[in-house]
Amino acid sequence: MGVFDNAKDAAEATGKKIGEWADDTKERIGDKVDEAKADAEVKKAEGDVKKAEANRDATEAKNEYKENLRD
């Protein structure tokens, strides 16, 4: 039965290796998803900053205009 035991051991080792590969692949995909989410958050934050700056500039322009009207 040595041949059968060797074949069984080889099959188990192969199965274990495939399982590890699948787990590693799943983890890599999860890491990429996390990176994409972080990048999206950064882009959103950059957009929020630009919007806030535009609001600030518009408010300054409005206030300058009103100040010039008072003169």
C-alpha atoms as a PDB file:
ATOM      1  CA  MET A   1       0.000   0.000   0.000  1.00  0.00           C
ATOM      2  CA  GLY A   2       3.018   2.283  -0.094  1.00  0.00           C
ATOM      3  CA  VAL A   3       2.114   3.537  -3.563  1.00  0.00           C
ATOM      4  CA  PHE A   4      -1.404   4.414  -2.469  1.00  0.00           C
ATOM      5  CA  ASP A   5      -0.137   6.151   0.665  1.00  0.00           C
ATOM      6  CA  ASN A   6       2.324   8.165  -1.411  1.00  0.00           C
ATOM      7  CA  ALA A   7      -0.419   9.131  -3.864  1.00  0.00           C
ATOM      8  CA  LYS A   8      -2.705  10.084  -0.979  1.00  0.00           C
ATOM      9  CA  ASP A   9       0.032  12.208   0.601  1.00  0.00           C
ATOM     10  CA  ALA A  10       0.754  13.895  -2.726  1.00  0.00           C
ATOM     11  CA  ALA A  11      -2.941  14.626  -3.264  1.00  0.00           C
ATOM     12  CA  GLU A  12      -3.264  16.057   0.242  1.00  0.00           C
ATOM     13  CA  ALA A  13      -0.176  18.234  -0.247  1.00  0.00           C
ATOM     14  CA  THR A  14      -1.517  19.451  -3.588  1.00  0.00           C
ATOM     15  CA  GLY A  15      -4.889  20.216  -2.043  1.00  0.00           C
ATOM     16  CA  LYS A  16      -3.239  22.105   0.779  1.00  0.00           C
ATOM     17  CA  LYS A  17      -1.117  24.102  -1.685  1.00  0.00           C
ATOM     18  CA  ILE A  18      -4.189  24.970  -3.770  1.00  0.00           C
ATOM     19  CA  GLY A  19      -6.028  26.068  -0.623  1.00  0.00           C
ATOM     20  CA  GLU A  20      -3.121  28.304   0.399  1.00  0.00           C
ATOM     21  CA  TRP A  21      -2.990  29.781  -3.107  1.00  0.00           C
ATOM     22  CA  ALA A  22      -6.716  30.515  -2.985  1.00  0.00           C
ATOM     23  CA  ASP A  23      -6.389  32.172   0.430  1.00  0.00           C
ATOM     24  CA  ASP A  24      -3.441  34.270  -0.766  1.00  0.00           C
ATOM     25  CA  THR A  25      -5.338  35.326  -3.881  1.00  0.00           C
ATOM     26  CA  LYS A  26      -8.383  36.268  -1.814  1.00  0.00           C
ATOM     27  CA  GLU A  27      -6.191  38.338   0.499  1.00  0.00           C
ATOM     28  CA  ARG A  28      -4.474  40.099  -2.430  1.00  0.00           C
ATOM     29  CA  ILE A  29      -7.846  40.972  -3.938  1.00  0.00           C
ATOM     30  CA  GLY A  30      -8.998  42.303  -0.579  1.00  0.00           C
ATOM     31  CA  ASP A  31      -5.861  44.434  -0.354  1.00  0.00           C
ATOM     32  CA  LYS A  32      -6.506  45.901  -3.804  1.00  0.00           C
ATOM     33  CA  VAL A  33     -10.109  46.674  -2.842  1.00  0.00           C
ATOM     34  CA  ASP A  34      -8.886  48.432   0.299  1.00  0.00           C
ATOM     35  CA  GLU A  35      -6.418  50.464  -1.778  1.00  0.00           C
ATOM     36  CA  ALA A  36      -9.154  51.456  -4.211  1.00  0.00           C
ATOM     37  CA  LYS A  37     -11.429  52.533  -1.337  1.00  0.00           C
ATOM     38  CA  ALA A  38      -8.629  54.609   0.188  1.00  0.00           C
ATOM     39  CA  ASP A  39      -7.911  56.242  -3.178  1.00  0.00           C
ATOM     40  CA  ALA A  40     -11.603  57.057  -3.570  1.00  0.00           C
ATOM     41  CA  GLU A  41     -11.669  58.657  -0.113  1.00  0.00           C
ATOM     42  CA  VAL A  42      -8.641  60.781  -1.015  1.00  0.00           C
ATOM     43  CA  LYS A  43     -10.259  61.897  -4.277  1.00  0.00           C
ATOM     44  CA  LYS A  44     -13.452  62.788  -2.412  1.00  0.00           C
ATOM     45  CA  ALA A  45     -11.515  64.739   0.191  1.00  0.00           C
ATOM     46  CA  GLU A  46      -9.621  66.595  -2.533  1.00  0.00           C
ATOM     47  CA  GLY A  47     -12.929  67.430  -4.182  1.00  0.00           C
ATOM     48  CA  ASP A  48     -14.326  68.666  -0.869  1.00  0.00           C
ATOM     49  CA  VAL A  49     -11.285  70.901  -0.397  1.00  0.00           C
ATOM     50  CA  LYS A  50     -11.663  72.363  -3.890  1.00  0.00           C
ATOM     51  CA  LYS A  51     -15.343  73.003  -3.249  1.00  0.00           C
ATOM     52  CA  ALA A  52     -14.580  74.686   0.079  1.00  0.00           C
ATOM     53  CA  GLU A  53     -11.915  76.843  -1.570  1.00  0.00           C
ATOM     54  CA  ALA A  54     -14.346  77.840  -4.311  1.00  0.00           C
ATOM     55  CA  ASN A  55     -16.947  78.771  -1.682  1.00  0.00           C
ATOM     56  CA  ARG A  56     -14.363  80.786   0.206  1.00  0.00           C
ATOM     57  CA  ASP A  57     -13.295  82.624  -2.959  1.00  0.00           C
ATOM     58  CA  ALA A  58     -16.908  83.319  -3.916  1.00  0.00           C
ATOM     59  CA  THR A  59     -17.645  84.686  -0.444  1.00  0.00           C
ATOM     60  CA  GLU A  60     -14.559  86.906  -0.555  1.00  0.00           C
ATOM     61  CA  ALA A  61     -15.556  88.227  -3.982  1.00  0.00           C
ATOM     62  CA  LYS A  62     -19.105  88.895  -2.790  1.00  0.00           C
ATOM     63  CA  ASN A  63     -17.842  90.702   0.304  1.00  0.00           C
ATOM     64  CA  GLU A  64     -15.407  92.793  -1.756  1.00  0.00           C
ATOM     65  CA  TYR A  65     -18.208  93.739  -4.135  1.00  0.00           C
ATOM     66  CA  LYS A  66     -20.451  94.768  -1.255  1.00  0.00           C
ATOM     67  CA  GLU A  67     -17.617  96.723   0.316  1.00  0.00           C
ATOM     68  CA  ASN A  68     -17.009  98.568  -2.966  1.00  0.00           C
ATOM     69  CA  LEU A  69     -20.699  99.442  -3.139  1.00  0.00           C
ATOM     70  CA  ARG A  70     -20.445 101.071   0.294  1.00  0.00           C
ATOM     71  CA  ASP A  71     -17.648 103.366  -0.834  1.00  0.00           C
END
